[in-house]
N, C-alpha and C. Protein backbone atom coordinates (compact mmCIF):
# COMPACT_ATOMS: atom_id res chain seq x y z
N MET A 1 0.86 -1.18 0.00
CA MET A 1 0.00 0.00 0.00
C MET A 1 0.89 1.24 0.00
N SER A 2 0.53 2.26 -0.75
CA SER A 2 1.34 3.46 -0.84
C SER A 2 1.11 4.35 0.37
N ALA A 3 2.07 5.24 0.60
CA ALA A 3 1.95 6.18 1.71
C ALA A 3 0.83 7.16 1.42
N PRO A 4 0.18 7.65 2.47
CA PRO A 4 -0.92 8.60 2.24
C PRO A 4 -0.40 9.91 1.68
N THR A 5 -1.21 10.53 0.85
CA THR A 5 -0.85 11.84 0.32
C THR A 5 -1.05 12.87 1.42
N PRO A 6 -0.49 14.09 1.26
CA PRO A 6 -0.71 15.12 2.27
C PRO A 6 -2.19 15.41 2.52
N VAL A 7 -2.99 15.35 1.45
CA VAL A 7 -4.42 15.60 1.63
C VAL A 7 -5.04 14.50 2.48
N GLU A 8 -4.70 13.26 2.18
CA GLU A 8 -5.22 12.15 2.99
C GLU A 8 -4.74 12.27 4.43
N SER A 9 -3.48 12.63 4.60
CA SER A 9 -2.95 12.79 5.94
C SER A 9 -3.71 13.88 6.68
N TYR A 10 -3.99 14.97 5.99
CA TYR A 10 -4.75 16.06 6.63
C TYR A 10 -6.13 15.57 7.03
N GLU A 11 -6.79 14.86 6.15
CA GLU A 11 -8.13 14.38 6.45
C GLU A 11 -8.11 13.45 7.66
N VAL A 12 -7.13 12.56 7.71
CA VAL A 12 -7.02 11.63 8.85
C VAL A 12 -6.76 12.41 10.13
N LEU A 13 -5.81 13.33 10.08
CA LEU A 13 -5.49 14.13 11.27
C LEU A 13 -6.68 14.96 11.72
N TYR A 14 -7.37 15.56 10.77
CA TYR A 14 -8.52 16.40 11.12
C TYR A 14 -9.64 15.58 11.75
N THR A 15 -9.87 14.39 11.23
CA THR A 15 -10.89 13.51 11.80
C THR A 15 -10.52 13.14 13.23
N ARG A 16 -9.25 12.83 13.45
CA ARG A 16 -8.80 12.50 14.81
C ARG A 16 -8.97 13.70 15.73
N LEU A 17 -8.66 14.89 15.23
CA LEU A 17 -8.82 16.11 16.03
C LEU A 17 -10.29 16.32 16.39
N GLN A 18 -11.18 16.10 15.45
CA GLN A 18 -12.61 16.25 15.73
C GLN A 18 -13.06 15.29 16.83
N LYS A 19 -12.55 14.07 16.81
CA LYS A 19 -12.91 13.09 17.84
C LYS A 19 -12.39 13.52 19.21
N VAL A 20 -11.18 14.06 19.25
CA VAL A 20 -10.62 14.54 20.51
C VAL A 20 -11.48 15.68 21.05
N VAL A 21 -11.82 16.62 20.19
CA VAL A 21 -12.63 17.77 20.61
C VAL A 21 -13.99 17.30 21.13
N ALA A 22 -14.61 16.37 20.43
CA ALA A 22 -15.91 15.86 20.86
C ALA A 22 -15.80 15.20 22.24
N SER A 23 -14.76 14.44 22.45
CA SER A 23 -14.57 13.80 23.76
C SER A 23 -14.38 14.83 24.86
N LEU A 24 -13.60 15.87 24.57
CA LEU A 24 -13.37 16.91 25.57
C LEU A 24 -14.64 17.72 25.84
N GLU A 25 -15.44 17.95 24.81
CA GLU A 25 -16.65 18.74 24.97
C GLU A 25 -17.70 18.04 25.82
N GLN A 26 -17.65 16.71 25.87
CA GLN A 26 -18.60 15.98 26.70
C GLN A 26 -18.40 16.30 28.17
N GLY A 27 -17.16 16.59 28.55
CA GLY A 27 -16.87 17.03 29.91
C GLY A 27 -16.99 15.97 30.98
N GLU A 28 -17.00 14.72 30.62
CA GLU A 28 -17.17 13.67 31.61
C GLU A 28 -15.90 12.86 31.82
N LEU A 29 -14.76 13.39 31.42
CA LEU A 29 -13.49 12.67 31.54
C LEU A 29 -12.79 13.05 32.84
N PRO A 30 -12.06 12.09 33.41
CA PRO A 30 -11.19 12.46 34.53
C PRO A 30 -10.16 13.48 34.07
N LEU A 31 -9.70 14.29 34.99
CA LEU A 31 -8.77 15.37 34.65
C LEU A 31 -7.53 14.85 33.92
N ALA A 32 -6.93 13.78 34.39
CA ALA A 32 -5.71 13.26 33.76
C ALA A 32 -5.97 12.86 32.31
N GLU A 33 -7.09 12.21 32.05
CA GLU A 33 -7.42 11.80 30.68
C GLU A 33 -7.73 13.01 29.82
N ALA A 34 -8.40 14.00 30.39
CA ALA A 34 -8.70 15.22 29.64
C ALA A 34 -7.42 15.94 29.25
N LEU A 35 -6.45 15.98 30.14
CA LEU A 35 -5.17 16.63 29.82
C LEU A 35 -4.43 15.90 28.71
N ILE A 36 -4.45 14.58 28.76
CA ILE A 36 -3.81 13.79 27.71
C ILE A 36 -4.47 14.06 26.37
N LEU A 37 -5.81 14.06 26.36
CA LEU A 37 -6.53 14.34 25.12
C LEU A 37 -6.26 15.76 24.63
N TYR A 38 -6.20 16.70 25.56
CA TYR A 38 -5.93 18.09 25.18
C TYR A 38 -4.56 18.19 24.51
N GLU A 39 -3.56 17.53 25.10
CA GLU A 39 -2.22 17.54 24.51
C GLU A 39 -2.23 16.92 23.12
N GLN A 40 -2.96 15.83 22.95
CA GLN A 40 -3.08 15.21 21.63
C GLN A 40 -3.73 16.18 20.66
N GLY A 41 -4.77 16.86 21.12
CA GLY A 41 -5.46 17.83 20.28
C GLY A 41 -4.57 18.96 19.83
N VAL A 42 -3.73 19.45 20.74
CA VAL A 42 -2.81 20.53 20.40
C VAL A 42 -1.83 20.06 19.32
N ARG A 43 -1.30 18.84 19.48
CA ARG A 43 -0.38 18.30 18.48
C ARG A 43 -1.08 18.09 17.14
N LEU A 44 -2.29 17.55 17.18
CA LEU A 44 -3.04 17.33 15.94
C LEU A 44 -3.34 18.65 15.24
N ALA A 45 -3.74 19.65 16.01
CA ALA A 45 -4.04 20.96 15.42
C ALA A 45 -2.79 21.56 14.79
N ALA A 46 -1.65 21.41 15.45
CA ALA A 46 -0.39 21.93 14.89
C ALA A 46 -0.02 21.20 13.60
N ASP A 47 -0.21 19.88 13.59
CA ASP A 47 0.08 19.11 12.38
C ASP A 47 -0.85 19.50 11.23
N CYS A 48 -2.12 19.70 11.54
CA CYS A 48 -3.07 20.13 10.51
C CYS A 48 -2.67 21.50 9.97
N GLN A 49 -2.30 22.41 10.86
CA GLN A 49 -1.90 23.75 10.43
C GLN A 49 -0.66 23.70 9.56
N ARG A 50 0.30 22.83 9.92
CA ARG A 50 1.52 22.69 9.12
C ARG A 50 1.18 22.23 7.70
N LEU A 51 0.27 21.27 7.59
CA LEU A 51 -0.13 20.79 6.26
C LEU A 51 -0.86 21.87 5.48
N LEU A 52 -1.71 22.64 6.15
CA LEU A 52 -2.41 23.73 5.47
C LEU A 52 -1.43 24.81 5.01
N ASP A 53 -0.46 25.13 5.86
CA ASP A 53 0.55 26.12 5.49
C ASP A 53 1.34 25.66 4.28
N HIS A 54 1.69 24.38 4.26
CA HIS A 54 2.44 23.81 3.14
C HIS A 54 1.60 23.89 1.85
N ALA A 55 0.33 23.57 1.97
CA ALA A 55 -0.55 23.62 0.79
C ALA A 55 -0.69 25.05 0.29
N GLU A 56 -0.82 26.00 1.21
CA GLU A 56 -0.93 27.40 0.82
C GLU A 56 0.33 27.88 0.10
N LEU A 57 1.49 27.50 0.64
CA LEU A 57 2.75 27.87 0.00
C LEU A 57 2.85 27.28 -1.40
N ARG A 58 2.43 26.04 -1.53
CA ARG A 58 2.49 25.38 -2.84
C ARG A 58 1.58 26.10 -3.85
N VAL A 59 0.39 26.45 -3.42
CA VAL A 59 -0.54 27.16 -4.31
C VAL A 59 0.06 28.50 -4.71
N GLN A 60 0.62 29.22 -3.75
CA GLN A 60 1.22 30.52 -4.06
C GLN A 60 2.36 30.38 -5.07
N GLN A 61 3.20 29.35 -4.87
CA GLN A 61 4.32 29.17 -5.79
C GLN A 61 3.84 28.73 -7.17
N LEU A 62 2.82 27.91 -7.22
CA LEU A 62 2.27 27.50 -8.51
C LEU A 62 1.66 28.69 -9.24
N GLN A 63 0.99 29.55 -8.51
CA GLN A 63 0.38 30.73 -9.12
C GLN A 63 1.43 31.70 -9.63
N SER A 64 2.58 31.75 -8.97
CA SER A 64 3.63 32.67 -9.40
C SER A 64 4.52 32.06 -10.49
N GLY A 65 4.26 30.81 -10.84
CA GLY A 65 5.01 30.16 -11.90
C GLY A 65 6.30 29.50 -11.45
N GLU A 66 6.53 29.45 -10.14
CA GLU A 66 7.73 28.81 -9.63
C GLU A 66 7.56 27.29 -9.69
N PRO A 67 8.66 26.59 -9.93
CA PRO A 67 8.56 25.13 -9.94
C PRO A 67 8.22 24.60 -8.55
N ALA A 68 7.45 23.53 -8.51
CA ALA A 68 6.99 22.98 -7.24
C ALA A 68 7.72 21.72 -6.85
N SER A 69 8.83 21.39 -7.50
CA SER A 69 9.52 20.14 -7.25
C SER A 69 10.02 20.01 -5.81
N ASP A 70 10.38 21.12 -5.17
CA ASP A 70 10.87 21.06 -3.80
C ASP A 70 9.73 21.07 -2.79
N LEU A 71 8.50 21.08 -3.24
CA LEU A 71 7.35 21.15 -2.35
C LEU A 71 6.65 19.82 -2.15
N GLU A 72 7.12 18.77 -2.76
CA GLU A 72 6.49 17.48 -2.60
C GLU A 72 6.70 17.00 -1.18
N ALA A 73 5.62 16.63 -0.50
CA ALA A 73 5.72 16.03 0.83
C ALA A 73 4.36 15.83 1.41
């Protein structure tokens, strides 16, 4: 099986982030578990933002006519 594309990775990460947020919003978790989930959510949000930033940079470079060979990831 091939490695996931950045878009697939974003979708997977975003889905995981949504599940973390839903669990935290229920408010019925012990404090220790809530903190662990919160930390996971922060990491997932940062990873999603990194992928979005990369995609935005790629679009900008494509629009300006710059080669995108160094942007694959």
